[in-house]
Amino acid sequence: MTTRIVIGDDHPLVQAALRSALSSVLDDLDIIACQSLDEALHALTGRAEEVDLILWDLTMPGIQGFAALFILSAQFPTVPVAIISARQDAATIRRAIAYGASGYIPKSLSLPEMADAVTRILAGEIWMPPNVGGRSSVQGADVELGARMASLSAQQLRILAMIVDGKLNKQIAGELDIAEQTVKGHVSTILRKLGVGSRTQAAVLAERLAFGL
């Protein structure tokens, strides 16, 4: 049975190393390599049920931090998402797990260790490096706000990311090819779900909670 994994990482050498490591432990492996969130969304749309796991780097071009984790989880809730990153501080790892990641794999691990971590995640385990602690170590307020962020749709999360970048409704509408009035409606919903009163407050919250590290 084919194991299909989407790898979101903009470094070809990392993609090649992961492909080599995973091929050594998974007999029938299909890797879908993506260098941007748009590529990943395109690859997953209409075939998410065929994908067993998404491995995602936290520092992809155009979308930083945990934003992609929320977007991928919102749009493809049945596909587990694990983070693979050069960052290995305990706070970031705990936040990733608290925000719904199925695992956190530091790039400092050896290739056999990475392969072992991926196989454990595929088996249903929530994997992270030893001695990090669990999601209970994350501040309660951050967990609550993370749940609010997770309540946004994928489109609303994309719009929020653009708000963080300082884009106006007209610019957002143009980039997403939707009506400006539709953007306004989404912005109102975003503010309501996040419990804030302005775009600036929403951006500050997003930067602190999910979009900034």
C-alpha atoms as a PDB file:
ATOM      1  CA  MET A   1       0.000   0.000   0.000  1.00  0.00           C
ATOM      2  CA  THR A   2       1.405   3.371  -1.032  1.00  0.00           C
ATOM      3  CA  THR A   3       2.353   5.871   1.678  1.00  0.00           C
ATOM      4  CA  ARG A   4       1.905   9.369   0.275  1.00  0.00           C
ATOM      5  CA  ILE A   5       3.616  12.280   2.034  1.00  0.00           C
ATOM      6  CA  VAL A   6       3.525  15.967   1.113  1.00  0.00           C
ATOM      7  CA  ILE A   7       6.768  17.738   2.042  1.00  0.00           C
ATOM      8  CA  GLY A   8       6.640  21.523   2.274  1.00  0.00           C
ATOM      9  CA  ASP A   9      10.225  22.757   2.297  1.00  0.00           C
ATOM     10  CA  ASP A  10      11.891  25.221  -0.054  1.00  0.00           C
ATOM     11  CA  HIS A  11      15.335  23.615   0.214  1.00  0.00           C
ATOM     12  CA  PRO A  12      15.843  20.881  -2.430  1.00  0.00           C
ATOM     13  CA  LEU A  13      18.615  19.279  -0.382  1.00  0.00           C
ATOM     14  CA  VAL A  14      16.265  18.859   2.588  1.00  0.00           C
ATOM     15  CA  GLN A  15      13.612  17.359   0.339  1.00  0.00           C
ATOM     16  CA  ALA A  16      16.142  14.952  -1.168  1.00  0.00           C
ATOM     17  CA  ALA A  17      17.475  13.934   2.237  1.00  0.00           C
ATOM     18  CA  LEU A  18      13.973  13.257   3.558  1.00  0.00           C
ATOM     19  CA  ARG A  19      13.096  11.278   0.451  1.00  0.00           C
ATOM     20  CA  SER A  20      16.197   9.133   0.925  1.00  0.00           C
ATOM     21  CA  ALA A  21      15.602   8.614   4.648  1.00  0.00           C
ATOM     22  CA  LEU A  22      11.932   7.721   4.281  1.00  0.00           C
ATOM     23  CA  SER A  23      12.548   5.412   1.327  1.00  0.00           C
ATOM     24  CA  SER A  24      14.764   3.330   3.594  1.00  0.00           C
ATOM     25  CA  VAL A  25      11.881   2.523   5.973  1.00  0.00           C
ATOM     26  CA  LEU A  26       8.786   2.735   3.742  1.00  0.00           C
ATOM     27  CA  ASP A  27       8.621   0.254   0.868  1.00  0.00           C
ATOM     28  CA  ASP A  28       6.058   1.969  -1.359  1.00  0.00           C
ATOM     29  CA  LEU A  29       6.549   5.719  -0.917  1.00  0.00           C
ATOM     30  CA  ASP A  30       5.200   8.630  -2.940  1.00  0.00           C
ATOM     31  CA  ILE A  31       6.677  12.030  -2.046  1.00  0.00           C
ATOM     32  CA  ILE A  32       4.954  15.200  -3.238  1.00  0.00           C
ATOM     33  CA  ALA A  33       7.513  17.992  -2.839  1.00  0.00           C
ATOM     34  CA  CYS A  34       6.177  21.556  -2.525  1.00  0.00           C
ATOM     35  CA  GLN A  35       8.088  24.819  -2.197  1.00  0.00           C
ATOM     36  CA  SER A  36       5.153  27.051  -1.228  1.00  0.00           C
ATOM     37  CA  LEU A  37       1.794  26.909   0.493  1.00  0.00           C
ATOM     38  CA  ASP A  38      -0.005  27.436  -2.827  1.00  0.00           C
ATOM     39  CA  GLU A  39       1.786  24.409  -4.297  1.00  0.00           C
ATOM     40  CA  ALA A  40       0.748  22.314  -1.305  1.00  0.00           C
ATOM     41  CA  LEU A  41      -2.878  23.445  -1.456  1.00  0.00           C
ATOM     42  CA  HIS A  42      -2.968  22.652  -5.181  1.00  0.00           C
ATOM     43  CA  ALA A  43      -1.432  19.217  -4.595  1.00  0.00           C
ATOM     44  CA  LEU A  44      -3.884  18.369  -1.820  1.00  0.00           C
ATOM     45  CA  THR A  45      -7.093  19.744  -3.314  1.00  0.00           C
ATOM     46  CA  GLY A  46      -9.273  16.897  -4.516  1.00  0.00           C
ATOM     47  CA  ARG A  47      -6.913  14.183  -3.298  1.00  0.00           C
ATOM     48  CA  ALA A  48      -6.458  14.806   0.416  1.00  0.00           C
ATOM     49  CA  GLU A  49      -7.906  11.377   1.174  1.00  0.00           C
ATOM     50  CA  GLU A  50      -4.896   9.870  -0.639  1.00  0.00           C
ATOM     51  CA  VAL A  51      -2.346  11.726   1.525  1.00  0.00           C
ATOM     52  CA  ASP A  52      -1.103  10.122   4.748  1.00  0.00           C
ATOM     53  CA  LEU A  53       0.960  12.986   6.162  1.00  0.00           C
ATOM     54  CA  ILE A  54       2.105  16.562   5.550  1.00  0.00           C
ATOM     55  CA  LEU A  55       5.607  17.526   6.694  1.00  0.00           C
ATOM     56  CA  TRP A  56       5.899  21.311   6.897  1.00  0.00           C
ATOM     57  CA  ASP A  57       8.769  23.722   7.496  1.00  0.00           C
ATOM     58  CA  LEU A  58       7.977  26.735   9.700  1.00  0.00           C
ATOM     59  CA  THR A  59       9.967  29.188   7.576  1.00  0.00           C
ATOM     60  CA  MET A  60       8.515  28.838   4.096  1.00  0.00           C
ATOM     61  CA  PRO A  61       8.630  31.873   1.760  1.00  0.00           C
ATOM     62  CA  GLY A  62       5.538  34.041   1.969  1.00  0.00           C
ATOM     63  CA  ILE A  63       4.076  32.431   5.077  1.00  0.00           C
ATOM     64  CA  GLN A  64       5.890  32.219   8.377  1.00  0.00           C
ATOM     65  CA  GLY A  65       5.326  30.601  11.727  1.00  0.00           C
ATOM     66  CA  PHE A  66       2.257  28.531  12.461  1.00  0.00           C
ATOM     67  CA  ALA A  67      -0.010  30.165   9.868  1.00  0.00           C
ATOM     68  CA  ALA A  68       0.363  27.301   7.381  1.00  0.00           C
ATOM     69  CA  LEU A  69      -0.356  24.744  10.117  1.00  0.00           C
ATOM     70  CA  PHE A  70      -3.695  26.410  10.808  1.00  0.00           C
ATOM     71  CA  ILE A  71      -4.522  26.790   7.108  1.00  0.00           C
ATOM     72  CA  LEU A  72      -3.655  23.192   6.197  1.00  0.00           C
ATOM     73  CA  SER A  73      -5.497  21.823   9.239  1.00  0.00           C
ATOM     74  CA  ALA A  74      -8.571  23.933   8.452  1.00  0.00           C
ATOM     75  CA  GLN A  75      -8.721  22.980   4.781  1.00  0.00           C
ATOM     76  CA  PHE A  76      -7.714  19.316   5.151  1.00  0.00           C
ATOM     77  CA  PRO A  77      -8.754  18.290   8.667  1.00  0.00           C
ATOM     78  CA  THR A  78      -8.313  14.557   8.034  1.00  0.00           C
ATOM     79  CA  VAL A  79      -4.629  14.860   7.045  1.00  0.00           C
ATOM     80  CA  PRO A  80      -2.110  14.990   9.913  1.00  0.00           C
ATOM     81  CA  VAL A  81       0.442  17.797   9.745  1.00  0.00           C
ATOM     82  CA  ALA A  82       3.870  17.482  11.364  1.00  0.00           C
ATOM     83  CA  ILE A  83       6.411  20.276  11.620  1.00  0.00           C
ATOM     84  CA  ILE A  84       9.979  19.791  10.451  1.00  0.00           C
ATOM     85  CA  SER A  85      12.151  22.755  11.350  1.00  0.00           C
ATOM     86  CA  ALA A  86      15.601  24.041  12.207  1.00  0.00           C
ATOM     87  CA  ARG A  87      14.049  25.626  15.303  1.00  0.00           C
ATOM     88  CA  GLN A  88      14.276  23.302  18.269  1.00  0.00           C
ATOM     89  CA  ASP A  89      13.502  25.409  21.335  1.00  0.00           C
ATOM     90  CA  ALA A  90      11.047  23.765  23.697  1.00  0.00           C
ATOM     91  CA  ALA A  91       8.553  26.653  23.631  1.00  0.00           C
ATOM     92  CA  THR A  92       8.105  26.473  19.845  1.00  0.00           C
ATOM     93  CA  ILE A  93       7.788  22.685  19.921  1.00  0.00           C
ATOM     94  CA  ARG A  94       5.164  22.767  22.666  1.00  0.00           C
ATOM     95  CA  ARG A  95       3.197  25.455  20.848  1.00  0.00           C
ATOM     96  CA  ALA A  96       3.176  23.447  17.626  1.00  0.00           C
ATOM     97  CA  ILE A  97       1.735  20.422  19.409  1.00  0.00           C
ATOM     98  CA  ALA A  98      -0.775  22.562  21.319  1.00  0.00           C
ATOM     99  CA  TYR A  99      -1.930  24.074  18.009  1.00  0.00           C
ATOM    100  CA  GLY A 100      -2.665  20.669  16.513  1.00  0.00           C
ATOM    101  CA  ALA A 101       0.555  19.418  14.904  1.00  0.00           C
ATOM    102  CA  SER A 102       0.912  15.634  14.907  1.00  0.00           C
ATOM    103  CA  GLY A 103       4.610  15.912  15.579  1.00  0.00           C
ATOM    104  CA  TYR A 104       7.664  18.151  15.622  1.00  0.00           C
ATOM    105  CA  ILE A 105      10.873  16.956  13.988  1.00  0.00           C
ATOM    106  CA  PRO A 106      14.014  19.105  14.396  1.00  0.00           C
ATOM    107  CA  LYS A 107      16.268  19.158  11.342  1.00  0.00           C
ATOM    108  CA  SER A 108      19.215  18.558  13.657  1.00  0.00           C
ATOM    109  CA  LEU A 109      18.173  14.907  13.987  1.00  0.00           C
ATOM    110  CA  SER A 110      20.018  12.290  12.000  1.00  0.00           C
ATOM    111  CA  LEU A 111      18.211  10.922   8.932  1.00  0.00           C
ATOM    112  CA  PRO A 112      17.467   7.573  10.640  1.00  0.00           C
ATOM    113  CA  GLU A 113      16.009   9.469  13.618  1.00  0.00           C
ATOM    114  CA  MET A 114      13.836  11.555  11.277  1.00  0.00           C
ATOM    115  CA  ALA A 115      12.641   8.429   9.508  1.00  0.00           C
ATOM    116  CA  ASP A 116      11.798   6.807  12.850  1.00  0.00           C
ATOM    117  CA  ALA A 117       9.868   9.904  13.953  1.00  0.00           C
ATOM    118  CA  VAL A 118       7.856   9.928  10.712  1.00  0.00           C
ATOM    119  CA  THR A 119       6.970   6.238  10.996  1.00  0.00           C
ATOM    120  CA  ARG A 120       5.772   6.807  14.550  1.00  0.00           C
ATOM    121  CA  ILE A 121       3.613   9.731  13.439  1.00  0.00           C
ATOM    122  CA  LEU A 122       2.184   7.629  10.591  1.00  0.00           C
ATOM    123  CA  ALA A 123       1.288   5.005  13.211  1.00  0.00           C
ATOM    124  CA  GLY A 124      -0.763   7.614  15.086  1.00  0.00           C
ATOM    125  CA  GLU A 125       1.737   8.779  17.679  1.00  0.00           C
ATOM    126  CA  ILE A 126       2.164  12.458  18.575  1.00  0.00           C
ATOM    127  CA  TRP A 127       5.937  12.679  18.282  1.00  0.00           C
ATOM    128  CA  MET A 128       8.327  15.305  19.581  1.00  0.00           C
ATOM    129  CA  PRO A 129      11.879  15.227  20.932  1.00  0.00           C
ATOM    130  CA  PRO A 130      12.330  13.754  24.414  1.00  0.00           C
ATOM    131  CA  ASN A 131      12.434  16.011  27.468  1.00  0.00           C
ATOM    132  CA  VAL A 132      10.375  18.784  25.862  1.00  0.00           C
ATOM    133  CA  GLY A 133       7.182  18.406  27.861  1.00  0.00           C
ATOM    134  CA  GLY A 134       3.601  18.298  26.669  1.00  0.00           C
ATOM    135  CA  ARG A 135       1.038  20.766  25.488  1.00  0.00           C
ATOM    136  CA  SER A 136       0.091  21.380  29.119  1.00  0.00           C
ATOM    137  CA  SER A 137       3.290  23.416  29.335  1.00  0.00           C
ATOM    138  CA  VAL A 138       1.819  26.010  26.964  1.00  0.00           C
ATOM    139  CA  GLN A 139       0.110  28.949  28.639  1.00  0.00           C
ATOM    140  CA  GLY A 140      -3.646  28.430  28.914  1.00  0.00           C
ATOM    141  CA  ALA A 141      -4.362  31.740  27.219  1.00  0.00           C
ATOM    142  CA  ASP A 142      -2.351  30.713  24.177  1.00  0.00           C
ATOM    143  CA  VAL A 143      -4.191  27.388  23.926  1.00  0.00           C
ATOM    144  CA  GLU A 144      -7.544  29.204  24.102  1.00  0.00           C
ATOM    145  CA  LEU A 145      -6.515  31.741  21.491  1.00  0.00           C
ATOM    146  CA  GLY A 146      -5.098  28.960  19.360  1.00  0.00           C
ATOM    147  CA  ALA A 147      -8.531  27.330  19.393  1.00  0.00           C
ATOM    148  CA  ARG A 148     -10.048  30.616  18.216  1.00  0.00           C
ATOM    149  CA  MET A 149      -7.538  30.778  15.387  1.00  0.00           C
ATOM    150  CA  ALA A 150      -8.323  27.188  14.446  1.00  0.00           C
ATOM    151  CA  SER A 151     -12.023  28.116  14.177  1.00  0.00           C
ATOM    152  CA  LEU A 152     -11.261  30.294  11.150  1.00  0.00           C
ATOM    153  CA  SER A 153     -11.733  28.807   7.703  1.00  0.00           C
ATOM    154  CA  ALA A 154      -8.765  28.356   5.381  1.00  0.00           C
ATOM    155  CA  GLN A 155      -9.872  31.406   3.370  1.00  0.00           C
ATOM    156  CA  GLN A 156     -10.217  33.508   6.512  1.00  0.00           C
ATOM    157  CA  LEU A 157      -6.733  32.432   7.646  1.00  0.00           C
ATOM    158  CA  ARG A 158      -5.300  33.446   4.283  1.00  0.00           C
ATOM    159  CA  ILE A 159      -7.011  36.834   4.596  1.00  0.00           C
ATOM    160  CA  LEU A 160      -5.699  37.215   8.130  1.00  0.00           C
ATOM    161  CA  ALA A 161      -2.171  36.498   6.892  1.00  0.00           C
ATOM    162  CA  MET A 162      -2.612  39.291   4.342  1.00  0.00           C
ATOM    163  CA  ILE A 163      -3.895  41.634   7.057  1.00  0.00           C
ATOM    164  CA  VAL A 164      -0.719  40.867   9.017  1.00  0.00           C
ATOM    165  CA  ASP A 165       1.225  41.893   5.908  1.00  0.00           C
ATOM    166  CA  GLY A 166      -0.609  45.246   5.952  1.00  0.00           C
ATOM    167  CA  LYS A 167      -2.707  44.676   2.834  1.00  0.00           C
ATOM    168  CA  LEU A 168      -5.985  46.527   2.338  1.00  0.00           C
ATOM    169  CA  ASN A 169      -9.307  44.893   1.461  1.00  0.00           C
ATOM    170  CA  LYS A 170      -8.981  45.952  -2.185  1.00  0.00           C
ATOM    171  CA  GLN A 171      -5.526  44.373  -2.458  1.00  0.00           C
ATOM    172  CA  ILE A 172      -6.714  41.185  -0.754  1.00  0.00           C
ATOM    173  CA  ALA A 173      -9.697  40.950  -3.089  1.00  0.00           C
ATOM    174  CA  GLY A 174      -7.431  41.320  -6.107  1.00  0.00           C
ATOM    175  CA  GLU A 175      -4.969  38.671  -4.986  1.00  0.00           C
ATOM    176  CA  LEU A 176      -7.681  36.168  -4.056  1.00  0.00           C
ATOM    177  CA  ASP A 177      -9.868  37.044  -7.062  1.00  0.00           C
ATOM    178  CA  ILE A 178     -12.948  37.658  -4.941  1.00  0.00           C
ATOM    179  CA  ALA A 179     -15.217  40.670  -4.441  1.00  0.00           C
ATOM    180  CA  GLU A 180     -14.100  43.360  -2.024  1.00  0.00           C
ATOM    181  CA  GLN A 181     -17.452  43.053  -0.248  1.00  0.00           C
ATOM    182  CA  THR A 182     -16.702  39.360   0.316  1.00  0.00           C
ATOM    183  CA  VAL A 183     -13.393  40.317   1.910  1.00  0.00           C
ATOM    184  CA  LYS A 184     -15.180  42.770   4.197  1.00  0.00           C
ATOM    185  CA  GLY A 185     -17.544  40.008   5.294  1.00  0.00           C
ATOM    186  CA  HIS A 186     -14.637  37.689   6.048  1.00  0.00           C
ATOM    187  CA  VAL A 187     -12.826  40.407   7.996  1.00  0.00           C
ATOM    188  CA  SER A 188     -15.915  40.952  10.172  1.00  0.00           C
ATOM    189  CA  THR A 189     -16.104  37.232  10.872  1.00  0.00           C
ATOM    190  CA  ILE A 190     -12.388  37.092  11.681  1.00  0.00           C
ATOM    191  CA  LEU A 191     -12.708  39.919  14.214  1.00  0.00           C
ATOM    192  CA  ARG A 192     -15.723  38.260  15.822  1.00  0.00           C
ATOM    193  CA  LYS A 193     -14.129  34.822  16.090  1.00  0.00           C
ATOM    194  CA  LEU A 194     -10.887  36.222  17.500  1.00  0.00           C
ATOM    195  CA  GLY A 195     -12.735  38.446  19.960  1.00  0.00           C
ATOM    196  CA  VAL A 196     -11.053  41.664  18.839  1.00  0.00           C
ATOM    197  CA  GLY A 197     -12.393  44.994  17.649  1.00  0.00           C
ATOM    198  CA  SER A 198     -10.029  46.038  14.868  1.00  0.00           C
ATOM    199  CA  ARG A 199      -7.777  44.780  12.092  1.00  0.00           C
ATOM    200  CA  THR A 200      -4.766  46.031  14.031  1.00  0.00           C
ATOM    201  CA  GLN A 201      -5.708  43.991  17.097  1.00  0.00           C
ATOM    202  CA  ALA A 202      -6.267  40.930  14.920  1.00  0.00           C
ATOM    203  CA  ALA A 203      -2.852  41.379  13.315  1.00  0.00           C
ATOM    204  CA  VAL A 204      -1.118  41.758  16.683  1.00  0.00           C
ATOM    205  CA  LEU A 205      -2.837  38.639  17.985  1.00  0.00           C
ATOM    206  CA  ALA A 206      -1.979  36.659  14.855  1.00  0.00           C
ATOM    207  CA  GLU A 207       1.654  37.725  14.966  1.00  0.00           C
ATOM    208  CA  ARG A 208       2.008  36.726  18.602  1.00  0.00           C
ATOM    209  CA  LEU A 209       0.026  33.535  18.527  1.00  0.00           C
ATOM    210  CA  ALA A 210       0.376  31.861  15.185  1.00  0.00           C
ATOM    211  CA  PHE A 211       2.102  33.821  12.498  1.00  0.00           C
ATOM    212  CA  GLY A 212       5.233  34.951  14.300  1.00  0.00           C
ATOM    213  CA  LEU A 213       7.794  32.963  16.172  1.00  0.00           C
END
